[in-house]
Amino acid sequence: MFQAVVELLPHGESAPVASWSERRASERLPADITANVRARGSGLRVKAEVVDLSVEGCRFLSWDYQVGDDVLIALAHLAPICGRVRWIKDGSVGVEFGSKLHPSVVKHLSSL
């Protein structure tokens, strides 16, 4: 059985509809932060480059994790943040934080 999601634009509106990959719950800001990341229960800490950041998560570069891993991420001067690996693609790891960061914290971290 074929199933599709259809979105209709209001009459007269011609704005393009964002693709699924472009739809985010919150704005992602570019970042250039070296973070220490470790899987829960592991003593192995991996240095990883965080390349973008939002109030709900981040993306970092690494080959050391699997989807579903619970991780602790130490960003800059913050206490480690709990998160879960949600996706992996071509050496990029997408993590959803266990609790949201404040938008001003995200803005500050993206400026480092």
N, C-alpha and C. Protein backbone atom coordinates (compact mmCIF):
# COMPACT_ATOMS: atom_id res chain seq x y z
N MET A 1 0.84 -1.18 0.00
CA MET A 1 0.00 0.00 0.00
C MET A 1 0.89 1.24 0.00
N PHE A 2 0.57 2.20 -0.81
CA PHE A 2 1.32 3.44 -0.93
C PHE A 2 0.76 4.47 0.03
N GLN A 3 1.64 5.13 0.76
CA GLN A 3 1.20 6.16 1.69
C GLN A 3 2.02 7.40 1.44
N ALA A 4 1.39 8.57 1.41
CA ALA A 4 2.10 9.82 1.13
C ALA A 4 1.61 10.91 2.07
N VAL A 5 2.49 11.87 2.29
CA VAL A 5 2.13 13.06 3.04
C VAL A 5 1.97 14.18 2.04
N VAL A 6 0.83 14.83 2.04
CA VAL A 6 0.55 15.91 1.10
C VAL A 6 0.32 17.18 1.90
N GLU A 7 1.00 18.25 1.49
CA GLU A 7 0.80 19.55 2.13
C GLU A 7 0.28 20.52 1.10
N LEU A 8 -0.77 21.21 1.44
CA LEU A 8 -1.36 22.18 0.54
C LEU A 8 -0.99 23.58 0.98
N LEU A 9 -0.63 24.41 0.01
CA LEU A 9 -0.34 25.81 0.30
C LEU A 9 -1.63 26.60 0.19
N PRO A 10 -1.78 27.64 1.02
CA PRO A 10 -2.96 28.48 0.89
C PRO A 10 -3.03 29.07 -0.52
N HIS A 11 -4.24 29.33 -1.01
CA HIS A 11 -4.46 29.85 -2.35
C HIS A 11 -3.63 31.11 -2.58
N GLY A 12 -2.94 31.15 -3.70
CA GLY A 12 -2.15 32.32 -4.06
C GLY A 12 -0.75 32.32 -3.49
N GLU A 13 -0.43 31.39 -2.64
CA GLU A 13 0.90 31.34 -2.03
C GLU A 13 1.78 30.42 -2.86
N SER A 14 2.96 30.90 -3.23
CA SER A 14 3.82 30.08 -4.08
C SER A 14 5.17 29.77 -3.43
N ALA A 15 5.26 29.94 -2.14
CA ALA A 15 6.52 29.65 -1.46
C ALA A 15 6.83 28.17 -1.54
N PRO A 16 8.11 27.82 -1.77
CA PRO A 16 8.45 26.39 -1.82
C PRO A 16 8.30 25.74 -0.45
N VAL A 17 7.94 24.48 -0.45
CA VAL A 17 7.80 23.73 0.78
C VAL A 17 9.16 23.11 1.10
N ALA A 18 9.59 23.26 2.33
CA ALA A 18 10.89 22.72 2.75
C ALA A 18 10.87 21.20 2.70
N SER A 19 12.02 20.62 2.36
CA SER A 19 12.12 19.16 2.36
C SER A 19 12.16 18.68 3.80
N TRP A 20 12.00 17.36 3.99
CA TRP A 20 12.03 16.79 5.33
C TRP A 20 13.34 17.11 6.03
N SER A 21 14.46 17.06 5.29
CA SER A 21 15.76 17.31 5.92
C SER A 21 15.92 18.76 6.34
N GLU A 22 15.15 19.66 5.73
CA GLU A 22 15.25 21.07 6.09
C GLU A 22 14.33 21.45 7.25
N ARG A 23 13.41 20.57 7.59
CA ARG A 23 12.46 20.87 8.67
C ARG A 23 13.10 20.52 10.00
N ARG A 24 13.30 21.49 10.80
CA ARG A 24 13.90 21.31 12.11
C ARG A 24 12.98 21.93 13.14
N ALA A 25 12.99 21.37 14.32
CA ALA A 25 12.18 21.93 15.40
C ALA A 25 12.77 23.25 15.88
N SER A 26 14.08 23.41 15.68
CA SER A 26 14.73 24.65 16.09
C SER A 26 15.88 24.96 15.14
N GLU A 27 16.27 26.22 15.13
CA GLU A 27 17.34 26.68 14.24
C GLU A 27 18.68 26.06 14.61
N ARG A 28 19.41 25.61 13.61
CA ARG A 28 20.76 25.10 13.82
C ARG A 28 21.74 26.22 13.46
N LEU A 29 22.72 26.40 14.33
CA LEU A 29 23.75 27.39 14.08
C LEU A 29 25.07 26.68 13.81
N PRO A 30 25.86 27.21 12.89
CA PRO A 30 27.17 26.59 12.65
C PRO A 30 28.04 26.74 13.89
N ALA A 31 28.90 25.77 14.11
CA ALA A 31 29.78 25.81 15.28
C ALA A 31 31.15 25.25 14.89
N ASP A 32 32.13 25.58 15.67
CA ASP A 32 33.49 25.05 15.49
C ASP A 32 34.04 24.84 16.90
N ILE A 33 33.57 23.79 17.55
CA ILE A 33 33.91 23.53 18.95
C ILE A 33 34.50 22.13 19.06
N THR A 34 35.62 22.01 19.75
CA THR A 34 36.15 20.69 20.05
C THR A 34 35.51 20.24 21.35
N ALA A 35 34.87 19.09 21.30
CA ALA A 35 34.16 18.56 22.47
C ALA A 35 34.75 17.20 22.85
N ASN A 36 34.60 16.86 24.11
CA ASN A 36 34.91 15.50 24.57
C ASN A 36 33.60 14.74 24.62
N VAL A 37 33.56 13.59 23.94
CA VAL A 37 32.34 12.80 23.88
C VAL A 37 32.67 11.40 24.36
N ARG A 38 31.78 10.85 25.17
CA ARG A 38 31.95 9.46 25.57
C ARG A 38 30.59 8.80 25.69
N ALA A 39 30.57 7.53 25.35
CA ALA A 39 29.34 6.75 25.49
C ALA A 39 29.15 6.45 26.96
N ARG A 40 27.92 6.45 27.41
CA ARG A 40 27.64 6.13 28.82
C ARG A 40 28.16 4.75 29.13
N GLY A 41 28.79 4.63 30.29
CA GLY A 41 29.31 3.35 30.72
C GLY A 41 30.70 3.06 30.19
N SER A 42 31.22 3.95 29.36
CA SER A 42 32.56 3.77 28.79
C SER A 42 33.50 4.82 29.36
N GLY A 43 34.72 4.43 29.60
CA GLY A 43 35.72 5.39 30.06
C GLY A 43 36.44 6.07 28.90
N LEU A 44 36.18 5.60 27.67
CA LEU A 44 36.85 6.14 26.50
C LEU A 44 36.24 7.48 26.11
N ARG A 45 37.07 8.52 26.13
CA ARG A 45 36.64 9.85 25.71
C ARG A 45 37.22 10.12 24.34
N VAL A 46 36.39 10.61 23.46
CA VAL A 46 36.81 10.90 22.10
C VAL A 46 36.68 12.40 21.87
N LYS A 47 37.75 13.00 21.33
CA LYS A 47 37.65 14.41 20.93
C LYS A 47 36.95 14.45 19.58
N ALA A 48 35.95 15.31 19.48
CA ALA A 48 35.17 15.42 18.25
C ALA A 48 34.89 16.88 17.96
N GLU A 49 34.80 17.21 16.68
CA GLU A 49 34.49 18.58 16.28
C GLU A 49 32.98 18.72 16.11
N VAL A 50 32.39 19.62 16.90
CA VAL A 50 30.97 19.93 16.78
C VAL A 50 30.84 20.96 15.66
N VAL A 51 30.06 20.62 14.63
CA VAL A 51 29.97 21.49 13.46
C VAL A 51 28.65 22.26 13.36
N ASP A 52 27.63 21.83 14.08
CA ASP A 52 26.44 22.66 14.23
C ASP A 52 25.73 22.31 15.52
N LEU A 53 24.88 23.24 15.94
CA LEU A 53 24.32 23.18 17.28
C LEU A 53 22.95 23.83 17.29
N SER A 54 22.03 23.28 18.07
CA SER A 54 20.72 23.88 18.28
C SER A 54 20.35 23.68 19.74
N VAL A 55 19.20 24.19 20.14
CA VAL A 55 18.76 24.01 21.52
C VAL A 55 18.46 22.55 21.81
N GLU A 56 18.17 21.77 20.77
CA GLU A 56 17.76 20.38 20.95
C GLU A 56 18.83 19.35 20.66
N GLY A 57 19.96 19.76 20.05
CA GLY A 57 20.98 18.78 19.73
C GLY A 57 22.15 19.38 18.99
N CYS A 58 23.00 18.48 18.49
CA CYS A 58 24.18 18.93 17.75
C CYS A 58 24.59 17.87 16.75
N ARG A 59 25.52 18.26 15.89
CA ARG A 59 26.13 17.33 14.95
C ARG A 59 27.63 17.43 15.14
N PHE A 60 28.27 16.28 15.31
CA PHE A 60 29.72 16.27 15.41
C PHE A 60 30.30 15.23 14.48
N LEU A 61 31.60 15.34 14.24
CA LEU A 61 32.28 14.45 13.31
C LEU A 61 32.97 13.33 14.09
N SER A 62 32.63 12.09 13.77
CA SER A 62 33.22 10.94 14.44
C SER A 62 32.78 9.67 13.74
N TRP A 63 33.56 8.61 13.94
CA TRP A 63 33.22 7.27 13.44
C TRP A 63 33.04 6.30 14.59
N ASP A 64 33.00 6.78 15.83
CA ASP A 64 33.09 5.93 17.01
C ASP A 64 31.77 5.57 17.68
N TYR A 65 30.63 5.93 17.10
CA TYR A 65 29.35 5.73 17.78
C TYR A 65 28.35 5.03 16.88
N GLN A 66 27.29 4.53 17.50
CA GLN A 66 26.21 3.85 16.81
C GLN A 66 24.88 4.54 17.15
N VAL A 67 23.92 4.44 16.25
CA VAL A 67 22.59 4.98 16.52
C VAL A 67 22.05 4.32 17.79
N GLY A 68 21.51 5.12 18.68
CA GLY A 68 20.97 4.63 19.95
C GLY A 68 21.93 4.76 21.12
N ASP A 69 23.21 5.02 20.85
CA ASP A 69 24.16 5.19 21.95
C ASP A 69 23.77 6.40 22.80
N ASP A 70 23.81 6.22 24.12
CA ASP A 70 23.67 7.34 25.03
C ASP A 70 25.06 7.91 25.24
N VAL A 71 25.18 9.24 25.09
CA VAL A 71 26.49 9.87 25.17
C VAL A 71 26.47 11.05 26.14
N LEU A 72 27.65 11.39 26.60
CA LEU A 72 27.87 12.62 27.37
C LEU A 72 28.79 13.49 26.54
N ILE A 73 28.39 14.73 26.32
CA ILE A 73 29.15 15.65 25.48
C ILE A 73 29.57 16.83 26.34
N ALA A 74 30.88 17.04 26.44
CA ALA A 74 31.41 18.21 27.17
C ALA A 74 31.74 19.29 26.15
N LEU A 75 30.92 20.32 26.10
CA LEU A 75 31.09 21.44 25.19
C LEU A 75 31.70 22.63 25.93
N ALA A 76 32.84 23.09 25.46
CA ALA A 76 33.49 24.28 26.01
C ALA A 76 33.55 24.18 27.54
N HIS A 77 32.99 25.16 28.22
CA HIS A 77 33.06 25.26 29.68
C HIS A 77 31.80 24.75 30.38
N LEU A 78 30.89 24.11 29.64
CA LEU A 78 29.65 23.60 30.24
C LEU A 78 29.87 22.24 30.89
N ALA A 79 29.02 21.92 31.83
CA ALA A 79 29.00 20.56 32.39
C ALA A 79 28.58 19.62 31.27
N PRO A 80 29.01 18.36 31.30
CA PRO A 80 28.63 17.42 30.24
C PRO A 80 27.12 17.35 30.05
N ILE A 81 26.71 17.26 28.79
CA ILE A 81 25.31 17.22 28.41
C ILE A 81 24.97 15.79 27.97
N CYS A 82 23.89 15.25 28.52
CA CYS A 82 23.43 13.92 28.12
C CYS A 82 22.72 14.01 26.78
N GLY A 83 22.92 13.00 25.96
CA GLY A 83 22.23 12.96 24.67
C GLY A 83 22.15 11.54 24.14
N ARG A 84 21.46 11.39 23.03
CA ARG A 84 21.33 10.09 22.37
C ARG A 84 21.62 10.27 20.89
N VAL A 85 22.43 9.36 20.34
CA VAL A 85 22.74 9.38 18.92
C VAL A 85 21.48 9.00 18.15
N ARG A 86 21.02 9.90 17.28
CA ARG A 86 19.78 9.66 16.52
C ARG A 86 20.06 9.24 15.08
N TRP A 87 21.19 9.68 14.52
CA TRP A 87 21.53 9.30 13.15
C TRP A 87 23.03 9.42 12.94
N ILE A 88 23.51 8.68 11.94
CA ILE A 88 24.92 8.71 11.55
C ILE A 88 24.96 8.68 10.03
N LYS A 89 25.78 9.54 9.44
CA LYS A 89 25.93 9.54 7.99
C LYS A 89 27.28 10.11 7.62
N ASP A 90 28.07 9.33 6.91
CA ASP A 90 29.36 9.77 6.36
C ASP A 90 30.25 10.45 7.40
N GLY A 91 30.36 9.87 8.57
CA GLY A 91 31.24 10.42 9.60
C GLY A 91 30.64 11.54 10.42
N SER A 92 29.39 11.88 10.18
CA SER A 92 28.68 12.88 10.98
C SER A 92 27.73 12.14 11.92
N VAL A 93 27.64 12.62 13.13
CA VAL A 93 26.79 12.01 14.16
C VAL A 93 25.79 13.05 14.65
N GLY A 94 24.51 12.74 14.57
CA GLY A 94 23.47 13.64 15.05
C GLY A 94 23.01 13.20 16.43
N VAL A 95 23.06 14.12 17.37
CA VAL A 95 22.70 13.82 18.76
C VAL A 95 21.54 14.71 19.20
N GLU A 96 20.57 14.08 19.85
CA GLU A 96 19.47 14.82 20.48
C GLU A 96 19.80 14.92 21.97
N PHE A 97 19.80 16.14 22.49
CA PHE A 97 20.09 16.34 23.91
C PHE A 97 18.94 15.82 24.77
N GLY A 98 19.28 15.36 25.98
CA GLY A 98 18.28 14.90 26.93
C GLY A 98 17.42 16.04 27.44
N SER A 99 17.98 17.23 27.51
CA SER A 99 17.22 18.43 27.87
C SER A 99 17.73 19.58 27.02
N LYS A 100 16.83 20.48 26.69
CA LYS A 100 17.17 21.58 25.78
C LYS A 100 18.15 22.55 26.41
N LEU A 101 19.00 23.12 25.56
CA LEU A 101 19.86 24.22 25.98
C LEU A 101 19.07 25.52 25.82
N HIS A 102 19.44 26.51 26.58
CA HIS A 102 18.82 27.82 26.43
C HIS A 102 19.33 28.44 25.12
N PRO A 103 18.47 29.13 24.37
CA PRO A 103 18.90 29.73 23.10
C PRO A 103 20.12 30.65 23.24
N SER A 104 20.23 31.37 24.35
CA SER A 104 21.39 32.26 24.52
C SER A 104 22.68 31.46 24.68
N VAL A 105 22.60 30.27 25.27
CA VAL A 105 23.77 29.39 25.41
C VAL A 105 24.20 28.89 24.04
N VAL A 106 23.23 28.50 23.22
CA VAL A 106 23.53 28.03 21.86
C VAL A 106 24.19 29.14 21.05
N LYS A 107 23.65 30.34 21.15
CA LYS A 107 24.21 31.49 20.43
C LYS A 107 25.64 31.76 20.89
N HIS A 108 25.89 31.71 22.19
CA HIS A 108 27.22 31.92 22.74
C HIS A 108 28.19 30.84 22.24
N LEU A 109 27.79 29.58 22.32
CA LEU A 109 28.67 28.48 21.91
C LEU A 109 28.99 28.56 20.41
N SER A 110 28.03 28.97 19.61
CA SER A 110 28.27 29.04 18.17
C SER A 110 29.23 30.18 17.80
N SER A 111 29.42 31.11 18.72
CA SER A 111 30.33 32.23 18.45
C SER A 111 31.75 31.97 18.91
N LEU A 112 32.00 30.84 19.58
CA LEU A 112 33.34 30.54 20.08
C LEU A 112 34.28 30.17 18.95
